[in-house]
PDBML (XML) file of the C-alpha atoms, coordinates in Angstrom:
<?xml version="1.0" encoding="UTF-8" ?>
<PDBx:datablock datablockName="MODEL"
   xmlns:PDBx="http://pdbml.pdb.org/schema/pdbx-v50.xsd"
   xmlns:xsi="http://www.w3.org/2001/XMLSchema-instance"
   xsi:schemaLocation="http://pdbml.pdb.org/schema/pdbx-v50.xsd pdbx-v50.xsd">
   <PDBx:atom_siteCategory>
      <PDBx:atom_site id="1">
         <PDBx:B_iso_or_equiv>0.00</PDBx:B_iso_or_equiv>
         <PDBx:Cartn_x>37.663</PDBx:Cartn_x>
         <PDBx:Cartn_y>10.139</PDBx:Cartn_y>
         <PDBx:Cartn_z>22.857</PDBx:Cartn_z>
         <PDBx:auth_asym_id>A</PDBx:auth_asym_id>
         <PDBx:auth_atom_id>CA</PDBx:auth_atom_id>
         <PDBx:auth_comp_id>GLY</PDBx:auth_comp_id>
         <PDBx:auth_seq_id>1</PDBx:auth_seq_id>
         <PDBx:group_PDB>ATOM</PDBx:group_PDB>
         <PDBx:label_alt_id xsi:nil="true" />
         <PDBx:label_asym_id>A</PDBx:label_asym_id>
         <PDBx:label_atom_id>CA</PDBx:label_atom_id>
         <PDBx:label_comp_id>GLY</PDBx:label_comp_id>
         <PDBx:label_entity_id>1</PDBx:label_entity_id>
         <PDBx:label_seq_id>1</PDBx:label_seq_id>
         <PDBx:occupancy>1.00</PDBx:occupancy>
         <PDBx:pdbx_PDB_model_num>1</PDBx:pdbx_PDB_model_num>
         <PDBx:type_symbol>C</PDBx:type_symbol>
      </PDBx:atom_site>
      <PDBx:atom_site id="2">
         <PDBx:B_iso_or_equiv>0.00</PDBx:B_iso_or_equiv>
         <PDBx:Cartn_x>37.288</PDBx:Cartn_x>
         <PDBx:Cartn_y>6.226</PDBx:Cartn_y>
         <PDBx:Cartn_z>21.527</PDBx:Cartn_z>
         <PDBx:auth_asym_id>A</PDBx:auth_asym_id>
         <PDBx:auth_atom_id>CA</PDBx:auth_atom_id>
         <PDBx:auth_comp_id>LEU</PDBx:auth_comp_id>
         <PDBx:auth_seq_id>2</PDBx:auth_seq_id>
         <PDBx:group_PDB>ATOM</PDBx:group_PDB>
         <PDBx:label_alt_id xsi:nil="true" />
         <PDBx:label_asym_id>A</PDBx:label_asym_id>
         <PDBx:label_atom_id>CA</PDBx:label_atom_id>
         <PDBx:label_comp_id>LEU</PDBx:label_comp_id>
         <PDBx:label_entity_id>1</PDBx:label_entity_id>
         <PDBx:label_seq_id>2</PDBx:label_seq_id>
         <PDBx:occupancy>1.00</PDBx:occupancy>
         <PDBx:pdbx_PDB_model_num>1</PDBx:pdbx_PDB_model_num>
         <PDBx:type_symbol>C</PDBx:type_symbol>
      </PDBx:atom_site>
      <PDBx:atom_site id="3">
         <PDBx:B_iso_or_equiv>0.00</PDBx:B_iso_or_equiv>
         <PDBx:Cartn_x>34.853</PDBx:Cartn_x>
         <PDBx:Cartn_y>5.144</PDBx:Cartn_y>
         <PDBx:Cartn_z>18.891</PDBx:Cartn_z>
         <PDBx:auth_asym_id>A</PDBx:auth_asym_id>
         <PDBx:auth_atom_id>CA</PDBx:auth_atom_id>
         <PDBx:auth_comp_id>ILE</PDBx:auth_comp_id>
         <PDBx:auth_seq_id>3</PDBx:auth_seq_id>
         <PDBx:group_PDB>ATOM</PDBx:group_PDB>
         <PDBx:label_alt_id xsi:nil="true" />
         <PDBx:label_asym_id>A</PDBx:label_asym_id>
         <PDBx:label_atom_id>CA</PDBx:label_atom_id>
         <PDBx:label_comp_id>ILE</PDBx:label_comp_id>
         <PDBx:label_entity_id>1</PDBx:label_entity_id>
         <PDBx:label_seq_id>3</PDBx:label_seq_id>
         <PDBx:occupancy>1.00</PDBx:occupancy>
         <PDBx:pdbx_PDB_model_num>1</PDBx:pdbx_PDB_model_num>
         <PDBx:type_symbol>C</PDBx:type_symbol>
      </PDBx:atom_site>
      <PDBx:atom_site id="4">
         <PDBx:B_iso_or_equiv>0.00</PDBx:B_iso_or_equiv>
         <PDBx:Cartn_x>34.099</PDBx:Cartn_x>
         <PDBx:Cartn_y>1.314</PDBx:Cartn_y>
         <PDBx:Cartn_z>18.740</PDBx:Cartn_z>
         <PDBx:auth_asym_id>A</PDBx:auth_asym_id>
         <PDBx:auth_atom_id>CA</PDBx:auth_atom_id>
         <PDBx:auth_comp_id>LYS</PDBx:auth_comp_id>
         <PDBx:auth_seq_id>4</PDBx:auth_seq_id>
         <PDBx:group_PDB>ATOM</PDBx:group_PDB>
         <PDBx:label_alt_id xsi:nil="true" />
         <PDBx:label_asym_id>A</PDBx:label_asym_id>
         <PDBx:label_atom_id>CA</PDBx:label_atom_id>
         <PDBx:label_comp_id>LYS</PDBx:label_comp_id>
         <PDBx:label_entity_id>1</PDBx:label_entity_id>
         <PDBx:label_seq_id>4</PDBx:label_seq_id>
         <PDBx:occupancy>1.00</PDBx:occupancy>
         <PDBx:pdbx_PDB_model_num>1</PDBx:pdbx_PDB_model_num>
         <PDBx:type_symbol>C</PDBx:type_symbol>
      </PDBx:atom_site>
      <PDBx:atom_site id="5">
         <PDBx:B_iso_or_equiv>0.00</PDBx:B_iso_or_equiv>
         <PDBx:Cartn_x>32.681</PDBx:Cartn_x>
         <PDBx:Cartn_y>-0.273</PDBx:Cartn_y>
         <PDBx:Cartn_z>15.893</PDBx:Cartn_z>
         <PDBx:auth_asym_id>A</PDBx:auth_asym_id>
         <PDBx:auth_atom_id>CA</PDBx:auth_atom_id>
         <PDBx:auth_comp_id>ILE</PDBx:auth_comp_id>
         <PDBx:auth_seq_id>5</PDBx:auth_seq_id>
         <PDBx:group_PDB>ATOM</PDBx:group_PDB>
         <PDBx:label_alt_id xsi:nil="true" />
         <PDBx:label_asym_id>A</PDBx:label_asym_id>
         <PDBx:label_atom_id>CA</PDBx:label_atom_id>
         <PDBx:label_comp_id>ILE</PDBx:label_comp_id>
         <PDBx:label_entity_id>1</PDBx:label_entity_id>
         <PDBx:label_seq_id>5</PDBx:label_seq_id>
         <PDBx:occupancy>1.00</PDBx:occupancy>
         <PDBx:pdbx_PDB_model_num>1</PDBx:pdbx_PDB_model_num>
         <PDBx:type_symbol>C</PDBx:type_symbol>
      </PDBx:atom_site>
      <PDBx:atom_site id="6">
         <PDBx:B_iso_or_equiv>0.00</PDBx:B_iso_or_equiv>
         <PDBx:Cartn_x>32.317</PDBx:Cartn_x>
         <PDBx:Cartn_y>-3.934</PDBx:Cartn_y>
         <PDBx:Cartn_z>15.760</PDBx:Cartn_z>
         <PDBx:auth_asym_id>A</PDBx:auth_asym_id>
         <PDBx:auth_atom_id>CA</PDBx:auth_atom_id>
         <PDBx:auth_comp_id>TYR</PDBx:auth_comp_id>
         <PDBx:auth_seq_id>6</PDBx:auth_seq_id>
         <PDBx:group_PDB>ATOM</PDBx:group_PDB>
         <PDBx:label_alt_id xsi:nil="true" />
         <PDBx:label_asym_id>A</PDBx:label_asym_id>
         <PDBx:label_atom_id>CA</PDBx:label_atom_id>
         <PDBx:label_comp_id>TYR</PDBx:label_comp_id>
         <PDBx:label_entity_id>1</PDBx:label_entity_id>
         <PDBx:label_seq_id>6</PDBx:label_seq_id>
         <PDBx:occupancy>1.00</PDBx:occupancy>
         <PDBx:pdbx_PDB_model_num>1</PDBx:pdbx_PDB_model_num>
         <PDBx:type_symbol>C</PDBx:type_symbol>
      </PDBx:atom_site>
      <PDBx:atom_site id="7">
         <PDBx:B_iso_or_equiv>0.00</PDBx:B_iso_or_equiv>
         <PDBx:Cartn_x>29.917</PDBx:Cartn_x>
         <PDBx:Cartn_y>-6.660</PDBx:Cartn_y>
         <PDBx:Cartn_z>14.459</PDBx:Cartn_z>
         <PDBx:auth_asym_id>A</PDBx:auth_asym_id>
         <PDBx:auth_atom_id>CA</PDBx:auth_atom_id>
         <PDBx:auth_comp_id>GLY</PDBx:auth_comp_id>
         <PDBx:auth_seq_id>7</PDBx:auth_seq_id>
         <PDBx:group_PDB>ATOM</PDBx:group_PDB>
         <PDBx:label_alt_id xsi:nil="true" />
         <PDBx:label_asym_id>A</PDBx:label_asym_id>
         <PDBx:label_atom_id>CA</PDBx:label_atom_id>
         <PDBx:label_comp_id>GLY</PDBx:label_comp_id>
         <PDBx:label_entity_id>1</PDBx:label_entity_id>
         <PDBx:label_seq_id>7</PDBx:label_seq_id>
         <PDBx:occupancy>1.00</PDBx:occupancy>
         <PDBx:pdbx_PDB_model_num>1</PDBx:pdbx_PDB_model_num>
         <PDBx:type_symbol>C</PDBx:type_symbol>
      </PDBx:atom_site>
      <PDBx:atom_site id="8">
         <PDBx:B_iso_or_equiv>0.00</PDBx:B_iso_or_equiv>
         <PDBx:Cartn_x>29.688</PDBx:Cartn_x>
         <PDBx:Cartn_y>-8.362</PDBx:Cartn_y>
         <PDBx:Cartn_z>10.983</PDBx:Cartn_z>
         <PDBx:auth_asym_id>A</PDBx:auth_asym_id>
         <PDBx:auth_atom_id>CA</PDBx:auth_atom_id>
         <PDBx:auth_comp_id>ASP</PDBx:auth_comp_id>
         <PDBx:auth_seq_id>8</PDBx:auth_seq_id>
         <PDBx:group_PDB>ATOM</PDBx:group_PDB>
         <PDBx:label_alt_id xsi:nil="true" />
         <PDBx:label_asym_id>A</PDBx:label_asym_id>
         <PDBx:label_atom_id>CA</PDBx:label_atom_id>
         <PDBx:label_comp_id>ASP</PDBx:label_comp_id>
         <PDBx:label_entity_id>1</PDBx:label_entity_id>
         <PDBx:label_seq_id>8</PDBx:label_seq_id>
         <PDBx:occupancy>1.00</PDBx:occupancy>
         <PDBx:pdbx_PDB_model_num>1</PDBx:pdbx_PDB_model_num>
         <PDBx:type_symbol>C</PDBx:type_symbol>
      </PDBx:atom_site>
      <PDBx:atom_site id="9">
         <PDBx:B_iso_or_equiv>0.00</PDBx:B_iso_or_equiv>
         <PDBx:Cartn_x>30.396</PDBx:Cartn_x>
         <PDBx:Cartn_y>-6.892</PDBx:Cartn_y>
         <PDBx:Cartn_z>8.052</PDBx:Cartn_z>
         <PDBx:auth_asym_id>A</PDBx:auth_asym_id>
         <PDBx:auth_atom_id>CA</PDBx:auth_atom_id>
         <PDBx:auth_comp_id>PHE</PDBx:auth_comp_id>
         <PDBx:auth_seq_id>9</PDBx:auth_seq_id>
         <PDBx:group_PDB>ATOM</PDBx:group_PDB>
         <PDBx:label_alt_id xsi:nil="true" />
         <PDBx:label_asym_id>A</PDBx:label_asym_id>
         <PDBx:label_atom_id>CA</PDBx:label_atom_id>
         <PDBx:label_comp_id>PHE</PDBx:label_comp_id>
         <PDBx:label_entity_id>1</PDBx:label_entity_id>
         <PDBx:label_seq_id>9</PDBx:label_seq_id>
         <PDBx:occupancy>1.00</PDBx:occupancy>
         <PDBx:pdbx_PDB_model_num>1</PDBx:pdbx_PDB_model_num>
         <PDBx:type_symbol>C</PDBx:type_symbol>
      </PDBx:atom_site>
      <PDBx:atom_site id="10">
         <PDBx:B_iso_or_equiv>0.00</PDBx:B_iso_or_equiv>
         <PDBx:Cartn_x>27.982</PDBx:Cartn_x>
         <PDBx:Cartn_y>-8.936</PDBx:Cartn_y>
         <PDBx:Cartn_z>6.403</PDBx:Cartn_z>
         <PDBx:auth_asym_id>A</PDBx:auth_asym_id>
         <PDBx:auth_atom_id>CA</PDBx:auth_atom_id>
         <PDBx:auth_comp_id>ASN</PDBx:auth_comp_id>
         <PDBx:auth_seq_id>10</PDBx:auth_seq_id>
         <PDBx:group_PDB>ATOM</PDBx:group_PDB>
         <PDBx:label_alt_id xsi:nil="true" />
         <PDBx:label_asym_id>A</PDBx:label_asym_id>
         <PDBx:label_atom_id>CA</PDBx:label_atom_id>
         <PDBx:label_comp_id>ASN</PDBx:label_comp_id>
         <PDBx:label_entity_id>1</PDBx:label_entity_id>
         <PDBx:label_seq_id>10</PDBx:label_seq_id>
         <PDBx:occupancy>1.00</PDBx:occupancy>
         <PDBx:pdbx_PDB_model_num>1</PDBx:pdbx_PDB_model_num>
         <PDBx:type_symbol>C</PDBx:type_symbol>
      </PDBx:atom_site>
      <PDBx:atom_site id="11">
         <PDBx:B_iso_or_equiv>0.00</PDBx:B_iso_or_equiv>
         <PDBx:Cartn_x>25.300</PDBx:Cartn_x>
         <PDBx:Cartn_y>-7.495</PDBx:Cartn_y>
         <PDBx:Cartn_z>8.647</PDBx:Cartn_z>
         <PDBx:auth_asym_id>A</PDBx:auth_asym_id>
         <PDBx:auth_atom_id>CA</PDBx:auth_atom_id>
         <PDBx:auth_comp_id>ASP</PDBx:auth_comp_id>
         <PDBx:auth_seq_id>11</PDBx:auth_seq_id>
         <PDBx:group_PDB>ATOM</PDBx:group_PDB>
         <PDBx:label_alt_id xsi:nil="true" />
         <PDBx:label_asym_id>A</PDBx:label_asym_id>
         <PDBx:label_atom_id>CA</PDBx:label_atom_id>
         <PDBx:label_comp_id>ASP</PDBx:label_comp_id>
         <PDBx:label_entity_id>1</PDBx:label_entity_id>
         <PDBx:label_seq_id>11</PDBx:label_seq_id>
         <PDBx:occupancy>1.00</PDBx:occupancy>
         <PDBx:pdbx_PDB_model_num>1</PDBx:pdbx_PDB_model_num>
         <PDBx:type_symbol>C</PDBx:type_symbol>
      </PDBx:atom_site>
      <PDBx:atom_site id="12">
         <PDBx:B_iso_or_equiv>0.00</PDBx:B_iso_or_equiv>
         <PDBx:Cartn_x>25.662</PDBx:Cartn_x>
         <PDBx:Cartn_y>-3.937</PDBx:Cartn_y>
         <PDBx:Cartn_z>8.225</PDBx:Cartn_z>
         <PDBx:auth_asym_id>A</PDBx:auth_asym_id>
         <PDBx:auth_atom_id>CA</PDBx:auth_atom_id>
         <PDBx:auth_comp_id>ILE</PDBx:auth_comp_id>
         <PDBx:auth_seq_id>12</PDBx:auth_seq_id>
         <PDBx:group_PDB>ATOM</PDBx:group_PDB>
         <PDBx:label_alt_id xsi:nil="true" />
         <PDBx:label_asym_id>A</PDBx:label_asym_id>
         <PDBx:label_atom_id>CA</PDBx:label_atom_id>
         <PDBx:label_comp_id>ILE</PDBx:label_comp_id>
         <PDBx:label_entity_id>1</PDBx:label_entity_id>
         <PDBx:label_seq_id>12</PDBx:label_seq_id>
         <PDBx:occupancy>1.00</PDBx:occupancy>
         <PDBx:pdbx_PDB_model_num>1</PDBx:pdbx_PDB_model_num>
         <PDBx:type_symbol>C</PDBx:type_symbol>
      </PDBx:atom_site>
      <PDBx:atom_site id="13">
         <PDBx:B_iso_or_equiv>0.00</PDBx:B_iso_or_equiv>
         <PDBx:Cartn_x>21.998</PDBx:Cartn_x>
         <PDBx:Cartn_y>-3.238</PDBx:Cartn_y>
         <PDBx:Cartn_z>9.936</PDBx:Cartn_z>
         <PDBx:auth_asym_id>A</PDBx:auth_asym_id>
         <PDBx:auth_atom_id>CA</PDBx:auth_atom_id>
         <PDBx:auth_comp_id>LYS</PDBx:auth_comp_id>
         <PDBx:auth_seq_id>13</PDBx:auth_seq_id>
         <PDBx:group_PDB>ATOM</PDBx:group_PDB>
         <PDBx:label_alt_id xsi:nil="true" />
         <PDBx:label_asym_id>A</PDBx:label_asym_id>
         <PDBx:label_atom_id>CA</PDBx:label_atom_id>
         <PDBx:label_comp_id>LYS</PDBx:label_comp_id>
         <PDBx:label_entity_id>1</PDBx:label_entity_id>
         <PDBx:label_seq_id>13</PDBx:label_seq_id>
         <PDBx:occupancy>1.00</PDBx:occupancy>
         <PDBx:pdbx_PDB_model_num>1</PDBx:pdbx_PDB_model_num>
         <PDBx:type_symbol>C</PDBx:type_symbol>
      </PDBx:atom_site>
      <PDBx:atom_site id="14">
         <PDBx:B_iso_or_equiv>0.00</PDBx:B_iso_or_equiv>
         <PDBx:Cartn_x>23.404</PDBx:Cartn_x>
         <PDBx:Cartn_y>-4.481</PDBx:Cartn_y>
         <PDBx:Cartn_z>13.301</PDBx:Cartn_z>
         <PDBx:auth_asym_id>A</PDBx:auth_asym_id>
         <PDBx:auth_atom_id>CA</PDBx:auth_atom_id>
         <PDBx:auth_comp_id>ASN</PDBx:auth_comp_id>
         <PDBx:auth_seq_id>14</PDBx:auth_seq_id>
         <PDBx:group_PDB>ATOM</PDBx:group_PDB>
         <PDBx:label_alt_id xsi:nil="true" />
         <PDBx:label_asym_id>A</PDBx:label_asym_id>
         <PDBx:label_atom_id>CA</PDBx:label_atom_id>
         <PDBx:label_comp_id>ASN</PDBx:label_comp_id>
         <PDBx:label_entity_id>1</PDBx:label_entity_id>
         <PDBx:label_seq_id>14</PDBx:label_seq_id>
         <PDBx:occupancy>1.00</PDBx:occupancy>
         <PDBx:pdbx_PDB_model_num>1</PDBx:pdbx_PDB_model_num>
         <PDBx:type_symbol>C</PDBx:type_symbol>
      </PDBx:atom_site>
      <PDBx:atom_site id="15">
         <PDBx:B_iso_or_equiv>0.00</PDBx:B_iso_or_equiv>
         <PDBx:Cartn_x>26.731</PDBx:Cartn_x>
         <PDBx:Cartn_y>-3.182</PDBx:Cartn_y>
         <PDBx:Cartn_z>13.294</PDBx:Cartn_z>
         <PDBx:auth_asym_id>A</PDBx:auth_asym_id>
         <PDBx:auth_atom_id>CA</PDBx:auth_atom_id>
         <PDBx:auth_comp_id>ILE</PDBx:auth_comp_id>
         <PDBx:auth_seq_id>15</PDBx:auth_seq_id>
         <PDBx:group_PDB>ATOM</PDBx:group_PDB>
         <PDBx:label_alt_id xsi:nil="true" />
         <PDBx:label_asym_id>A</PDBx:label_asym_id>
         <PDBx:label_atom_id>CA</PDBx:label_atom_id>
         <PDBx:label_comp_id>ILE</PDBx:label_comp_id>
         <PDBx:label_entity_id>1</PDBx:label_entity_id>
         <PDBx:label_seq_id>15</PDBx:label_seq_id>
         <PDBx:occupancy>1.00</PDBx:occupancy>
         <PDBx:pdbx_PDB_model_num>1</PDBx:pdbx_PDB_model_num>
         <PDBx:type_symbol>C</PDBx:type_symbol>
      </PDBx:atom_site>
      <PDBx:atom_site id="16">
         <PDBx:B_iso_or_equiv>0.00</PDBx:B_iso_or_equiv>
         <PDBx:Cartn_x>27.416</PDBx:Cartn_x>
         <PDBx:Cartn_y>-1.829</PDBx:Cartn_y>
         <PDBx:Cartn_z>16.894</PDBx:Cartn_z>
         <PDBx:auth_asym_id>A</PDBx:auth_asym_id>
         <PDBx:auth_atom_id>CA</PDBx:auth_atom_id>
         <PDBx:auth_comp_id>LYS</PDBx:auth_comp_id>
         <PDBx:auth_seq_id>16</PDBx:auth_seq_id>
         <PDBx:group_PDB>ATOM</PDBx:group_PDB>
         <PDBx:label_alt_id xsi:nil="true" />
         <PDBx:label_asym_id>A</PDBx:label_asym_id>
         <PDBx:label_atom_id>CA</PDBx:label_atom_id>
         <PDBx:label_comp_id>LYS</PDBx:label_comp_id>
         <PDBx:label_entity_id>1</PDBx:label_entity_id>
         <PDBx:label_seq_id>16</PDBx:label_seq_id>
         <PDBx:occupancy>1.00</PDBx:occupancy>
         <PDBx:pdbx_PDB_model_num>1</PDBx:pdbx_PDB_model_num>
         <PDBx:type_symbol>C</PDBx:type_symbol>
      </PDBx:atom_site>
      <PDBx:atom_site id="17">
         <PDBx:B_iso_or_equiv>0.00</PDBx:B_iso_or_equiv>
         <PDBx:Cartn_x>28.993</PDBx:Cartn_x>
         <PDBx:Cartn_y>1.689</PDBx:Cartn_y>
         <PDBx:Cartn_z>17.667</PDBx:Cartn_z>
         <PDBx:auth_asym_id>A</PDBx:auth_asym_id>
         <PDBx:auth_atom_id>CA</PDBx:auth_atom_id>
         <PDBx:auth_comp_id>ILE</PDBx:auth_comp_id>
         <PDBx:auth_seq_id>17</PDBx:auth_seq_id>
         <PDBx:group_PDB>ATOM</PDBx:group_PDB>
         <PDBx:label_alt_id xsi:nil="true" />
         <PDBx:label_asym_id>A</PDBx:label_asym_id>
         <PDBx:label_atom_id>CA</PDBx:label_atom_id>
         <PDBx:label_comp_id>ILE</PDBx:label_comp_id>
         <PDBx:label_entity_id>1</PDBx:label_entity_id>
         <PDBx:label_seq_id>17</PDBx:label_seq_id>
         <PDBx:occupancy>1.00</PDBx:occupancy>
         <PDBx:pdbx_PDB_model_num>1</PDBx:pdbx_PDB_model_num>
         <PDBx:type_symbol>C</PDBx:type_symbol>
      </PDBx:atom_site>
      <PDBx:atom_site id="18">
         <PDBx:B_iso_or_equiv>0.00</PDBx:B_iso_or_equiv>
         <PDBx:Cartn_x>29.971</PDBx:Cartn_x>
         <PDBx:Cartn_y>2.682</PDBx:Cartn_y>
         <PDBx:Cartn_z>21.182</PDBx:Cartn_z>
         <PDBx:auth_asym_id>A</PDBx:auth_asym_id>
         <PDBx:auth_atom_id>CA</PDBx:auth_atom_id>
         <PDBx:auth_comp_id>GLU</PDBx:auth_comp_id>
         <PDBx:auth_seq_id>18</PDBx:auth_seq_id>
         <PDBx:group_PDB>ATOM</PDBx:group_PDB>
         <PDBx:label_alt_id xsi:nil="true" />
         <PDBx:label_asym_id>A</PDBx:label_asym_id>
         <PDBx:label_atom_id>CA</PDBx:label_atom_id>
         <PDBx:label_comp_id>GLU</PDBx:label_comp_id>
         <PDBx:label_entity_id>1</PDBx:label_entity_id>
         <PDBx:label_seq_id>18</PDBx:label_seq_id>
         <PDBx:occupancy>1.00</PDBx:occupancy>
         <PDBx:pdbx_PDB_model_num>1</PDBx:pdbx_PDB_model_num>
         <PDBx:type_symbol>C</PDBx:type_symbol>
      </PDBx:atom_site>
      <PDBx:atom_site id="19">
         <PDBx:B_iso_or_equiv>0.00</PDBx:B_iso_or_equiv>
         <PDBx:Cartn_x>30.955</PDBx:Cartn_x>
         <PDBx:Cartn_y>6.555</PDBx:Cartn_y>
         <PDBx:Cartn_z>21.085</PDBx:Cartn_z>
         <PDBx:auth_asym_id>A</PDBx:auth_asym_id>
         <PDBx:auth_atom_id>CA</PDBx:auth_atom_id>
         <PDBx:auth_comp_id>ASP</PDBx:auth_comp_id>
         <PDBx:auth_seq_id>19</PDBx:auth_seq_id>
         <PDBx:group_PDB>ATOM</PDBx:group_PDB>
         <PDBx:label_alt_id xsi:nil="true" />
         <PDBx:label_asym_id>A</PDBx:label_asym_id>
         <PDBx:label_atom_id>CA</PDBx:label_atom_id>
         <PDBx:label_comp_id>ASP</PDBx:label_comp_id>
         <PDBx:label_entity_id>1</PDBx:label_entity_id>
         <PDBx:label_seq_id>19</PDBx:label_seq_id>
         <PDBx:occupancy>1.00</PDBx:occupancy>
         <PDBx:pdbx_PDB_model_num>1</PDBx:pdbx_PDB_model_num>
         <PDBx:type_symbol>C</PDBx:type_symbol>
      </PDBx:atom_site>
      <PDBx:atom_site id="20">
         <PDBx:B_iso_or_equiv>0.00</PDBx:B_iso_or_equiv>
         <PDBx:Cartn_x>30.809</PDBx:Cartn_x>
         <PDBx:Cartn_y>9.415</PDBx:Cartn_y>
         <PDBx:Cartn_z>23.473</PDBx:Cartn_z>
         <PDBx:auth_asym_id>A</PDBx:auth_asym_id>
         <PDBx:auth_atom_id>CA</PDBx:auth_atom_id>
         <PDBx:auth_comp_id>ASN</PDBx:auth_comp_id>
         <PDBx:auth_seq_id>20</PDBx:auth_seq_id>
         <PDBx:group_PDB>ATOM</PDBx:group_PDB>
         <PDBx:label_alt_id xsi:nil="true" />
         <PDBx:label_asym_id>A</PDBx:label_asym_id>
         <PDBx:label_atom_id>CA</PDBx:label_atom_id>
         <PDBx:label_comp_id>ASN</PDBx:label_comp_id>
         <PDBx:label_entity_id>1</PDBx:label_entity_id>
         <PDBx:label_seq_id>20</PDBx:label_seq_id>
         <PDBx:occupancy>1.00</PDBx:occupancy>
         <PDBx:pdbx_PDB_model_num>1</PDBx:pdbx_PDB_model_num>
         <PDBx:type_symbol>C</PDBx:type_symbol>
      </PDBx:atom_site>
      <PDBx:atom_site id="21">
         <PDBx:B_iso_or_equiv>0.00</PDBx:B_iso_or_equiv>
         <PDBx:Cartn_x>26.711</PDBx:Cartn_x>
         <PDBx:Cartn_y>9.035</PDBx:Cartn_y>
         <PDBx:Cartn_z>24.012</PDBx:Cartn_z>
         <PDBx:auth_asym_id>A</PDBx:auth_asym_id>
         <PDBx:auth_atom_id>CA</PDBx:auth_atom_id>
         <PDBx:auth_comp_id>GLY</PDBx:auth_comp_id>
         <PDBx:auth_seq_id>21</PDBx:auth_seq_id>
         <PDBx:group_PDB>ATOM</PDBx:group_PDB>
         <PDBx:label_alt_id xsi:nil="true" />
         <PDBx:label_asym_id>A</PDBx:label_asym_id>
         <PDBx:label_atom_id>CA</PDBx:label_atom_id>
         <PDBx:label_comp_id>GLY</PDBx:label_comp_id>
         <PDBx:label_entity_id>1</PDBx:label_entity_id>
         <PDBx:label_seq_id>21</PDBx:label_seq_id>
         <PDBx:occupancy>1.00</PDBx:occupancy>
         <PDBx:pdbx_PDB_model_num>1</PDBx:pdbx_PDB_model_num>
         <PDBx:type_symbol>C</PDBx:type_symbol>
      </PDBx:atom_site>
      <PDBx:atom_site id="22">
         <PDBx:B_iso_or_equiv>0.00</PDBx:B_iso_or_equiv>
         <PDBx:Cartn_x>26.680</PDBx:Cartn_x>
         <PDBx:Cartn_y>10.234</PDBx:Cartn_y>
         <PDBx:Cartn_z>20.084</PDBx:Cartn_z>
         <PDBx:auth_asym_id>A</PDBx:auth_asym_id>
         <PDBx:auth_atom_id>CA</PDBx:auth_atom_id>
         <PDBx:auth_comp_id>GLU</PDBx:auth_comp_id>
         <PDBx:auth_seq_id>22</PDBx:auth_seq_id>
         <PDBx:group_PDB>ATOM</PDBx:group_PDB>
         <PDBx:label_alt_id xsi:nil="true" />
         <PDBx:label_asym_id>A</PDBx:label_asym_id>
         <PDBx:label_atom_id>CA</PDBx:label_atom_id>
         <PDBx:label_comp_id>GLU</PDBx:label_comp_id>
         <PDBx:label_entity_id>1</PDBx:label_entity_id>
         <PDBx:label_seq_id>22</PDBx:label_seq_id>
         <PDBx:occupancy>1.00</PDBx:occupancy>
         <PDBx:pdbx_PDB_model_num>1</PDBx:pdbx_PDB_model_num>
         <PDBx:type_symbol>C</PDBx:type_symbol>
      </PDBx:atom_site>
      <PDBx:atom_site id="23">
         <PDBx:B_iso_or_equiv>0.00</PDBx:B_iso_or_equiv>
         <PDBx:Cartn_x>25.072</PDBx:Cartn_x>
         <PDBx:Cartn_y>7.140</PDBx:Cartn_y>
         <PDBx:Cartn_z>18.598</PDBx:Cartn_z>
         <PDBx:auth_asym_id>A</PDBx:auth_asym_id>
         <PDBx:auth_atom_id>CA</PDBx:auth_atom_id>
         <PDBx:auth_comp_id>ASN</PDBx:auth_comp_id>
         <PDBx:auth_seq_id>23</PDBx:auth_seq_id>
         <PDBx:group_PDB>ATOM</PDBx:group_PDB>
         <PDBx:label_alt_id xsi:nil="true" />
         <PDBx:label_asym_id>A</PDBx:label_asym_id>
         <PDBx:label_atom_id>CA</PDBx:label_atom_id>
         <PDBx:label_comp_id>ASN</PDBx:label_comp_id>
         <PDBx:label_entity_id>1</PDBx:label_entity_id>
         <PDBx:label_seq_id>23</PDBx:label_seq_id>
         <PDBx:occupancy>1.00</PDBx:occupancy>
         <PDBx:pdbx_PDB_model_num>1</PDBx:pdbx_PDB_model_num>
         <PDBx:type_symbol>C</PDBx:type_symbol>
      </PDBx:atom_site>
      <PDBx:atom_site id="24">
         <PDBx:B_iso_or_equiv>0.00</PDBx:B_iso_or_equiv>
         <PDBx:Cartn_x>22.332</PDBx:Cartn_x>
         <PDBx:Cartn_y>6.493</PDBx:Cartn_y>
         <PDBx:Cartn_z>20.572</PDBx:Cartn_z>
         <PDBx:auth_asym_id>A</PDBx:auth_asym_id>
         <PDBx:auth_atom_id>CA</PDBx:auth_atom_id>
         <PDBx:auth_comp_id>PRO</PDBx:auth_comp_id>
         <PDBx:auth_seq_id>24</PDBx:auth_seq_id>
         <PDBx:group_PDB>ATOM</PDBx:group_PDB>
         <PDBx:label_alt_id xsi:nil="true" />
         <PDBx:label_asym_id>A</PDBx:label_asym_id>
         <PDBx:label_atom_id>CA</PDBx:label_atom_id>
         <PDBx:label_comp_id>PRO</PDBx:label_comp_id>
         <PDBx:label_entity_id>1</PDBx:label_entity_id>
         <PDBx:label_seq_id>24</PDBx:label_seq_id>
         <PDBx:occupancy>1.00</PDBx:occupancy>
         <PDBx:pdbx_PDB_model_num>1</PDBx:pdbx_PDB_model_num>
         <PDBx:type_symbol>C</PDBx:type_symbol>
      </PDBx:atom_site>
   </PDBx:atom_siteCategory>
</PDBx:datablock>
């Protein structure tokens, strides 16, 4: 499946990861 990683490289702590329900 698809893994999405988005946000700001200068704000690593708040980067969002969307995957197959693994990250939560």
